[in-house]
Amino acid sequence: MRKAVASVAALLLGVAILLAGQGLQIVLLPVRATLEQFSAFGVGYIGASYFLGFTFGCWKGAELLRRVGHVRAFAAMTAIASAVPLLHGLWVNLWTWGIMRFATGFCFAVLYVVIESWLNERSTDENRGTVFSVYIVINMTMIAVGQQLLLLGDPLDLNLFAVASMVVSLAAVPVLMSRGEEPRQVEESHFNLRLLYQNSPSGMLGSFTSGVTNGGFWALAPVFAVAATQDVNMAAWFMTAGVLGGAVGQWPLGWWSDHVDRRIVLITSCAVASGVGLALWQLAPHIGPLGILGLGFGWGALAFPVYSVSVAQANDRAVPGTFVMISSGLLLMYGVGAVIGPLLSAGVMTLLGDGALFLFAAFGHLVLAVYVTARMRAEKEVEEVEHTEFSEALTSALTTSPVYSKKVDHE
């Protein structure tokens, strides 16, 4: 694993810097929107706009990589993403913020396609879960660092938007200065939903569900935290608790998924995350800030690894030359879910209160756990039927070559 991580060290350093700037934006924009008296639907619209751009970027990102390569795409998207935060601070308006977040979402989608396809090419089936856990730990940790930058200034000033811009700009430096080998030319760049599903239904649906639940969290958890505690600074602390929980949870769940059927890890993490989500929904008004932070940490530790395990599950079954298509397809599914998530979450919160954000998340995780369990049981039943037919065929077959041909497991 050390060798695999070392081969992408410059990329991971760039990712770390990039996501510190992203982390600041994630918490700064909802807080500023709340201070500007934007409604829950308004904040949800801003979050959904980001993921709409993200979805479009996933759709076009692979084609962009095919045309200009990984390094040039990384540099171009970083440059654009660094300019947008300044526009947020200079032009505070609900509808224009939605347009700007669309642009940011597009840039970050392409950046994630670059990053994840690069990591996939440098890893193997034996270490992919662990390598992705390292990546997600860096991802979550640096987002948490970026969120804490909110405490350094006044959200109503331009300064924090300028800091976010500068940090994102610096992310391109280690990637552009690296002498490491760039991934090979993309061979398959178009999105194929049918192939993505056939490759791994559980991986595809896991990515979608993770987008739905995480999209609601990124867009509206700061609103939940401020409403639960009446403290603006709690938005940064609660988001940091969830993100750090996600970073910590990656290690054991990533390691476990490398040693068992990854779908077992998906089922377990989703089931327990549902319980923690229900606890946040019911107990937040009664347990105080420390209790809320503790549950937020636990939710992040279980919910955020769902995406990385789903990606590893799908890429285990990807053939060489399709890693970019698979990575962009999974990100596209995540993005579609994340467009839906903030809007549905905002509606549930309007009807049932701010804590219902985690009721919605709990329901989404429970549905995924039930689906993956049903897939595993159906597959087991099919294998038992095929085993019986296989035994009967052996008694009369003149040659064993047809019956010994192994079916490819696309689950």
Protein backbone atom coordinates (compact mmCIF):
# COMPACT_ATOMS: atom_id res chain seq x y z
CA MET A 1 0.00 0.00 0.00
CA ARG A 2 2.84 2.39 0.83
CA LYS A 3 4.18 2.08 -2.72
CA ALA A 4 0.73 2.70 -4.21
CA VAL A 5 0.22 5.83 -2.08
CA ALA A 6 3.76 7.11 -2.80
CA SER A 7 3.09 6.98 -6.55
CA VAL A 8 0.30 9.56 -6.16
CA ALA A 9 1.77 11.61 -3.29
CA ALA A 10 1.82 14.89 -5.26
CA LEU A 11 -1.78 14.37 -6.30
CA LEU A 12 -2.84 13.69 -2.71
CA LEU A 13 -1.04 16.82 -1.52
CA GLY A 14 -2.92 18.84 -4.13
CA VAL A 15 -6.15 17.19 -2.98
CA ALA A 16 -5.42 18.13 0.63
CA ILE A 17 -4.94 21.80 -0.21
CA LEU A 18 -7.91 21.87 -2.58
CA LEU A 19 -10.30 20.43 -0.03
CA ALA A 20 -9.25 22.82 2.70
CA GLY A 21 -10.59 25.60 0.48
CA GLN A 22 -13.67 23.55 -0.33
CA GLY A 23 -14.29 22.88 3.37
CA LEU A 24 -14.37 26.58 4.15
CA GLN A 25 -16.89 27.20 1.37
CA ILE A 26 -19.09 24.29 2.50
CA VAL A 27 -19.75 25.88 5.89
CA LEU A 28 -19.31 29.57 5.01
CA LEU A 29 -22.02 29.74 2.34
CA PRO A 30 -24.91 28.22 4.38
CA VAL A 31 -23.96 30.34 7.40
CA ARG A 32 -23.82 33.53 5.32
CA ALA A 33 -27.10 32.55 3.66
CA THR A 34 -28.71 32.09 7.07
CA LEU A 35 -27.42 35.49 8.23
CA GLU A 36 -28.86 36.98 5.02
CA GLN A 37 -32.26 35.51 5.99
CA PHE A 38 -32.40 33.03 3.09
CA SER A 39 -35.09 30.36 3.66
CA ALA A 40 -34.40 26.64 4.11
CA PHE A 41 -35.52 26.12 0.51
CA GLY A 42 -33.18 28.91 -0.57
CA VAL A 43 -30.24 27.21 1.13
CA GLY A 44 -31.39 23.91 -0.36
CA TYR A 45 -31.51 25.51 -3.81
CA ILE A 46 -27.90 26.70 -3.41
CA GLY A 47 -26.80 23.22 -2.34
CA ALA A 48 -28.73 21.57 -5.15
CA SER A 49 -27.20 23.97 -7.68
CA TYR A 50 -23.74 22.87 -6.64
CA PHE A 51 -24.62 19.24 -7.18
CA LEU A 52 -26.42 19.98 -10.45
CA GLY A 53 -23.15 21.43 -11.70
CA PHE A 54 -21.38 18.47 -10.15
CA THR A 55 -23.63 16.09 -12.09
CA PHE A 56 -23.00 17.93 -15.36
CA GLY A 57 -19.27 17.82 -14.66
CA CYS A 58 -19.41 14.07 -14.11
CA TRP A 59 -21.19 13.71 -17.44
CA LYS A 60 -18.65 15.77 -19.38
CA GLY A 61 -15.58 15.24 -17.22
CA ALA A 62 -14.40 11.99 -18.78
CA GLU A 63 -14.58 13.50 -22.26
CA LEU A 64 -12.56 16.48 -21.06
CA LEU A 65 -9.91 14.15 -19.66
CA ARG A 66 -9.76 12.30 -22.97
CA ARG A 67 -9.09 15.54 -24.82
CA VAL A 68 -6.57 17.33 -22.58
CA GLY A 69 -5.31 14.75 -20.08
CA HIS A 70 -5.41 14.53 -16.30
CA VAL A 71 -2.88 17.23 -15.40
CA ARG A 72 -4.23 19.96 -17.69
CA ALA A 73 -7.81 19.25 -16.60
CA PHE A 74 -6.77 19.48 -12.94
CA ALA A 75 -5.03 22.82 -13.51
CA ALA A 76 -7.88 24.38 -15.50
CA MET A 77 -10.63 23.37 -13.08
CA THR A 78 -8.60 24.54 -10.09
CA ALA A 79 -8.13 27.96 -11.67
CA ILE A 80 -11.86 28.40 -12.27
CA ALA A 81 -12.82 27.05 -8.83
CA SER A 82 -10.49 29.56 -7.18
CA ALA A 83 -12.15 32.55 -8.84
CA VAL A 84 -15.74 31.73 -7.89
CA PRO A 85 -15.50 32.24 -4.07
CA LEU A 86 -14.52 35.87 -4.64
CA LEU A 87 -17.67 36.36 -6.72
CA HIS A 88 -19.75 34.94 -3.85
CA GLY A 89 -18.36 37.55 -1.49
CA LEU A 90 -18.73 40.44 -3.95
CA TRP A 91 -22.26 39.63 -5.16
CA VAL A 92 -24.61 38.32 -2.46
CA ASN A 93 -27.81 37.23 -4.13
CA LEU A 94 -29.76 33.97 -3.88
CA TRP A 95 -30.12 33.34 -7.61
CA THR A 96 -26.61 34.36 -8.62
CA TRP A 97 -25.19 32.23 -5.81
CA GLY A 98 -26.98 29.27 -7.34
CA ILE A 99 -25.28 29.94 -10.69
CA MET A 100 -21.90 30.30 -9.02
CA ARG A 101 -22.34 27.08 -7.06
CA PHE A 102 -23.23 25.34 -10.32
CA ALA A 103 -19.85 26.45 -11.72
CA THR A 104 -18.03 25.28 -8.58
CA GLY A 105 -19.83 21.94 -8.71
CA PHE A 106 -18.80 21.41 -12.34
CA CYS A 107 -15.15 22.12 -11.53
CA PHE A 108 -15.04 19.84 -8.52
CA ALA A 109 -16.75 17.01 -10.40
CA VAL A 110 -14.03 17.07 -13.05
CA LEU A 111 -11.39 17.27 -10.32
CA TYR A 112 -12.85 14.22 -8.57
CA VAL A 113 -12.94 12.29 -11.86
CA VAL A 114 -9.25 13.11 -12.31
CA ILE A 115 -8.38 12.15 -8.75
CA GLU A 116 -10.38 8.94 -8.46
CA SER A 117 -9.52 7.55 -11.88
CA TRP A 118 -5.86 8.30 -11.13
CA LEU A 119 -6.08 6.45 -7.81
CA ASN A 120 -7.90 3.51 -9.38
CA GLU A 121 -5.20 3.05 -12.00
CA ARG A 122 -2.48 3.02 -9.34
CA SER A 123 -4.23 0.52 -7.02
CA THR A 124 -5.17 -3.18 -7.19
CA ASP A 125 -8.16 -5.23 -6.07
CA GLU A 126 -6.19 -6.24 -2.97
CA ASN A 127 -5.41 -2.72 -1.75
CA ARG A 128 -8.07 -0.56 -3.40
CA GLY A 129 -10.26 -0.33 -0.30
CA THR A 130 -7.31 0.72 1.84
CA VAL A 131 -5.93 3.17 -0.74
CA PHE A 132 -9.34 4.81 -1.09
CA SER A 133 -9.57 4.98 2.68
CA VAL A 134 -6.31 6.98 2.75
CA TYR A 135 -7.75 9.28 0.10
CA ILE A 136 -11.02 9.74 1.96
CA VAL A 137 -9.20 10.32 5.26
CA ILE A 138 -7.24 13.14 3.61
CA ASN A 139 -10.47 14.35 2.03
CA MET A 140 -12.40 14.47 5.29
CA THR A 141 -9.55 15.76 7.44
CA MET A 142 -8.76 18.69 5.18
CA ILE A 143 -12.43 19.59 4.76
CA ALA A 144 -12.59 19.70 8.57
CA VAL A 145 -9.51 21.94 8.67
CA GLY A 146 -11.12 24.24 6.10
CA GLN A 147 -14.35 24.41 8.10
CA GLN A 148 -12.46 25.60 11.16
CA LEU A 149 -11.19 28.56 9.13
CA LEU A 150 -14.70 29.97 9.55
CA LEU A 151 -13.76 30.83 13.13
CA LEU A 152 -11.00 33.19 11.94
CA GLY A 153 -13.27 35.88 10.57
CA ASP A 154 -16.74 37.34 10.22
CA PRO A 155 -18.94 35.50 7.67
CA LEU A 156 -20.43 38.87 6.70
CA ASP A 157 -17.04 40.14 5.46
CA LEU A 158 -15.22 39.41 2.20
CA ASN A 159 -12.08 38.13 3.96
CA LEU A 160 -13.14 34.50 4.36
CA PHE A 161 -14.19 34.29 0.72
CA ALA A 162 -10.74 35.59 -0.27
CA VAL A 163 -9.05 32.97 1.93
CA ALA A 164 -11.09 30.19 0.25
CA SER A 165 -10.01 31.50 -3.15
CA MET A 166 -6.33 31.60 -2.27
CA VAL A 167 -6.27 28.11 -0.78
CA VAL A 168 -7.97 26.55 -3.81
CA SER A 169 -5.46 28.30 -6.11
CA LEU A 170 -2.50 26.74 -4.30
CA ALA A 171 -3.84 23.22 -4.88
CA ALA A 172 -2.53 23.14 -8.45
CA VAL A 173 1.10 23.72 -7.45
CA PRO A 174 2.13 20.21 -6.29
CA VAL A 175 0.35 18.49 -9.18
CA LEU A 176 1.88 20.74 -11.84
CA MET A 177 5.36 20.54 -10.28
CA SER A 178 5.33 16.75 -9.89
CA ARG A 179 7.58 14.57 -12.02
CA GLY A 180 5.40 11.52 -11.49
CA GLU A 181 3.88 9.59 -14.38
CA GLU A 182 0.48 10.76 -15.60
CA PRO A 183 -2.21 8.06 -16.03
CA ARG A 184 -2.52 6.51 -19.47
CA GLN A 185 -4.76 7.94 -22.16
CA VAL A 186 -8.45 7.45 -21.53
CA GLU A 187 -9.91 4.72 -23.73
CA GLU A 188 -13.54 4.75 -22.62
CA SER A 189 -15.04 8.15 -21.88
CA HIS A 190 -18.77 8.01 -22.57
CA PHE A 191 -21.25 7.35 -19.77
CA ASN A 192 -23.08 4.04 -20.02
CA LEU A 193 -25.77 3.63 -17.36
CA ARG A 194 -26.57 0.06 -18.35
CA LEU A 195 -22.94 -1.02 -18.21
CA LEU A 196 -22.49 0.76 -14.89
CA TYR A 197 -25.46 -1.12 -13.41
CA GLN A 198 -24.38 -4.46 -14.87
CA ASN A 199 -20.88 -3.91 -13.50
CA SER A 200 -22.15 -3.53 -9.91
CA PRO A 201 -25.76 -2.74 -8.93
CA SER A 202 -24.78 -2.35 -5.28
CA GLY A 203 -21.91 0.01 -6.11
CA MET A 204 -24.08 2.12 -8.37
CA LEU A 205 -27.04 2.37 -5.96
CA GLY A 206 -24.69 2.88 -3.03
CA SER A 207 -23.17 5.90 -4.78
CA PHE A 208 -26.61 7.31 -5.55
CA THR A 209 -27.87 6.88 -1.97
CA SER A 210 -24.69 8.36 -0.57
CA GLY A 211 -25.30 11.40 -2.78
CA VAL A 212 -28.87 11.78 -1.54
CA THR A 213 -27.96 11.62 2.15
CA ASN A 214 -24.63 13.45 1.99
CA GLY A 215 -26.04 16.15 -0.29
CA GLY A 216 -28.63 16.98 2.34
CA PHE A 217 -25.93 17.01 5.01
CA TRP A 218 -23.54 19.32 3.16
CA ALA A 219 -26.28 21.79 2.25
CA LEU A 220 -28.37 21.87 5.42
CA ALA A 221 -26.47 20.45 8.41
CA PRO A 222 -25.14 23.94 9.30
CA VAL A 223 -28.76 25.13 9.43
CA PHE A 224 -29.62 22.18 11.69
CA ALA A 225 -26.69 22.88 14.01
CA VAL A 226 -27.45 26.60 14.39
CA ALA A 227 -31.16 25.91 14.98
CA ALA A 228 -30.41 23.21 17.58
CA THR A 229 -27.97 25.33 19.62
CA GLN A 230 -28.69 28.97 18.65
CA ASP A 231 -24.93 29.39 18.10
CA VAL A 232 -23.50 30.32 14.69
CA ASN A 233 -20.08 28.87 15.57
CA MET A 234 -21.74 25.50 16.19
CA ALA A 235 -22.19 25.16 12.43
CA ALA A 236 -18.43 24.82 11.99
CA TRP A 237 -18.01 22.50 14.99
CA PHE A 238 -20.86 20.19 13.98
CA MET A 239 -19.70 19.92 10.38
CA THR A 240 -16.17 19.26 11.60
CA ALA A 241 -17.40 16.54 13.95
CA GLY A 242 -19.21 14.79 11.11
CA VAL A 243 -16.29 15.09 8.73
CA LEU A 244 -13.74 13.88 11.30
CA GLY A 245 -16.04 10.98 12.06
CA GLY A 246 -16.00 10.16 8.35
CA ALA A 247 -12.19 10.27 8.34
CA VAL A 248 -11.92 7.96 11.35
CA GLY A 249 -14.55 5.54 10.02
CA GLN A 250 -12.70 5.07 6.74
CA TRP A 251 -9.84 3.13 8.29
CA PRO A 252 -11.68 0.20 9.90
CA LEU A 253 -14.43 0.01 7.28
CA GLY A 254 -11.96 0.23 4.40
CA TRP A 255 -9.78 -2.48 5.93
CA TRP A 256 -12.81 -4.65 6.67
CA SER A 257 -14.11 -4.28 3.13
CA ASP A 258 -10.77 -5.59 1.80
CA HIS A 259 -11.25 -8.82 3.76
CA VAL A 260 -14.96 -9.61 3.33
CA ASP A 261 -17.67 -9.14 0.73
CA ARG A 262 -17.88 -5.33 0.55
CA ARG A 263 -21.68 -5.53 0.50
CA ILE A 264 -21.63 -6.76 4.10
CA VAL A 265 -19.82 -3.55 5.05
CA LEU A 266 -22.40 -1.50 3.12
CA ILE A 267 -25.29 -3.19 4.91
CA THR A 268 -23.74 -2.80 8.35
CA SER A 269 -22.69 0.84 7.99
CA CYS A 270 -26.06 1.84 6.52
CA ALA A 271 -28.05 0.05 9.22
CA VAL A 272 -26.10 1.61 12.09
CA ALA A 273 -26.06 5.05 10.40
CA SER A 274 -29.86 4.86 10.27
CA GLY A 275 -29.97 4.36 14.03
CA VAL A 276 -27.65 7.29 14.67
CA GLY A 277 -29.69 9.49 12.32
CA LEU A 278 -32.87 8.67 14.21
CA ALA A 279 -31.11 9.52 17.48
CA LEU A 280 -30.08 12.94 16.11
CA TRP A 281 -33.64 13.56 14.98
CA GLN A 282 -35.18 12.75 18.35
CA LEU A 283 -32.49 13.71 20.89
CA ALA A 284 -30.87 16.89 19.52
CA PRO A 285 -33.09 19.25 21.56
CA HIS A 286 -32.30 17.41 24.80
CA ILE A 287 -28.62 16.41 24.83
CA GLY A 288 -26.76 19.71 24.51
CA PRO A 289 -23.88 20.69 22.22
CA LEU A 290 -21.48 17.91 23.27
CA GLY A 291 -24.12 15.25 22.72
CA ILE A 292 -24.96 16.66 19.30
CA LEU A 293 -21.28 16.70 18.36
CA GLY A 294 -20.85 13.11 19.52
CA LEU A 295 -23.78 11.87 17.46
CA GLY A 296 -22.59 13.95 14.50
CA PHE A 297 -19.20 12.26 14.75
CA GLY A 298 -20.84 8.83 14.85
CA TRP A 299 -23.08 9.59 11.90
CA GLY A 300 -20.13 10.74 9.81
CA ALA A 301 -18.08 7.67 10.74
CA LEU A 302 -20.79 5.42 9.33
CA ALA A 303 -22.39 7.46 6.54
CA PHE A 304 -19.42 8.92 4.69
CA PRO A 305 -17.62 5.60 4.05
CA VAL A 306 -20.69 4.34 2.15
CA TYR A 307 -19.49 6.09 -0.99
CA SER A 308 -15.87 4.90 -0.84
CA VAL A 309 -16.93 1.29 -0.19
CA SER A 310 -19.43 1.53 -3.07
CA VAL A 311 -16.69 2.83 -5.38
CA ALA A 312 -14.32 0.04 -4.35
CA GLN A 313 -17.12 -2.51 -4.87
CA ALA A 314 -17.73 -1.26 -8.42
CA ASN A 315 -14.07 -0.89 -9.39
CA ASP A 316 -13.26 -4.42 -8.22
CA ARG A 317 -15.31 -5.53 -11.21
CA ALA A 318 -14.17 -2.93 -13.74
CA VAL A 319 -12.03 -4.07 -16.66
CA PRO A 320 -8.84 -2.19 -17.66
CA GLY A 321 -9.57 0.89 -19.75
CA THR A 322 -12.96 1.59 -18.13
CA PHE A 323 -11.79 3.11 -14.83
CA VAL A 324 -12.52 6.67 -15.97
CA MET A 325 -15.98 5.70 -17.24
CA ILE A 326 -16.76 3.84 -14.01
CA SER A 327 -15.40 6.64 -11.79
CA SER A 328 -17.27 9.37 -13.69
CA GLY A 329 -20.42 7.22 -13.76
CA LEU A 330 -20.35 6.65 -10.01
CA LEU A 331 -19.72 10.34 -9.41
CA LEU A 332 -22.61 11.10 -11.75
CA MET A 333 -24.90 8.86 -9.70
CA TYR A 334 -23.64 10.55 -6.54
CA GLY A 335 -24.26 13.95 -8.12
CA VAL A 336 -27.81 13.10 -9.22
CA GLY A 337 -28.56 11.93 -5.70
CA ALA A 338 -26.99 15.06 -4.24
CA VAL A 339 -29.17 17.30 -6.42
CA ILE A 340 -32.26 15.54 -5.08
CA GLY A 341 -31.07 15.28 -1.48
CA PRO A 342 -30.97 18.98 -0.46
CA LEU A 343 -34.37 19.68 -2.02
CA LEU A 344 -36.09 16.70 -0.41
CA SER A 345 -34.32 17.35 2.89
CA ALA A 346 -35.43 20.98 2.85
CA GLY A 347 -39.01 19.88 2.27
CA VAL A 348 -38.89 17.38 5.14
CA MET A 349 -37.31 20.00 7.42
CA THR A 350 -40.03 22.52 6.53
CA LEU A 351 -42.74 20.01 7.42
CA LEU A 352 -41.22 18.28 10.46
CA GLY A 353 -38.56 20.64 11.80
CA ASP A 354 -34.81 21.05 11.30
CA GLY A 355 -33.97 17.75 13.04
CA ALA A 356 -35.87 15.86 10.34
CA LEU A 357 -32.80 16.28 8.14
CA PHE A 358 -31.45 13.16 9.81
CA LEU A 359 -34.80 11.36 9.71
CA PHE A 360 -34.56 11.67 5.93
CA ALA A 361 -30.95 10.44 5.95
CA ALA A 362 -31.87 7.50 8.17
CA PHE A 363 -34.61 6.45 5.76
CA GLY A 364 -32.24 6.62 2.78
CA HIS A 365 -29.60 4.45 4.47
CA LEU A 366 -32.21 1.94 5.57
CA VAL A 367 -33.53 1.57 2.01
CA LEU A 368 -30.00 0.91 0.70
CA ALA A 369 -29.32 -1.68 3.41
CA VAL A 370 -32.53 -3.53 2.53
CA TYR A 371 -31.74 -3.41 -1.19
CA VAL A 372 -28.20 -4.76 -0.86
CA THR A 373 -29.42 -7.50 1.51
CA ALA A 374 -32.05 -8.52 -1.03
CA ARG A 375 -29.42 -8.60 -3.81
CA MET A 376 -27.17 -10.85 -1.77
CA ARG A 377 -29.99 -13.24 -0.93
CA ALA A 378 -31.17 -13.35 -4.54
CA GLU A 379 -27.65 -14.07 -5.72
CA LYS A 380 -27.28 -16.88 -3.18
CA GLU A 381 -30.53 -18.46 -4.35
CA VAL A 382 -29.42 -18.26 -7.99
CA GLU A 383 -26.11 -19.88 -7.13
CA GLU A 384 -27.91 -22.74 -5.36
CA VAL A 385 -30.16 -23.31 -8.39
CA GLU A 386 -27.20 -23.21 -10.76
CA HIS A 387 -25.32 -25.64 -8.54
CA THR A 388 -28.16 -28.19 -8.77
CA GLU A 389 -28.36 -27.90 -12.55
CA PHE A 390 -24.60 -28.13 -12.79
CA SER A 391 -24.57 -31.45 -10.85
CA GLU A 392 -27.30 -32.94 -13.02
CA ALA A 393 -25.50 -31.90 -16.19
CA LEU A 394 -22.34 -33.67 -15.14
CA THR A 395 -24.04 -37.08 -15.18
CA SER A 396 -24.80 -36.97 -18.90
CA ALA A 397 -22.38 -34.50 -20.46
CA LEU A 398 -19.88 -35.89 -22.97
CA THR A 399 -17.46 -33.06 -22.16
CA THR A 400 -17.05 -31.00 -19.02
CA SER A 401 -15.79 -27.85 -20.68
CA PRO A 402 -19.18 -26.13 -21.04
CA VAL A 403 -20.30 -26.80 -17.45
CA TYR A 404 -17.03 -25.69 -15.91
CA SER A 405 -17.06 -22.28 -17.60
CA LYS A 406 -17.26 -19.76 -14.78
CA LYS A 407 -19.92 -17.04 -14.80
CA VAL A 408 -18.66 -13.53 -14.17
CA ASP A 409 -20.07 -12.08 -10.97
CA HIS A 410 -21.36 -8.65 -11.84
CA GLU A 411 -22.63 -7.87 -8.45
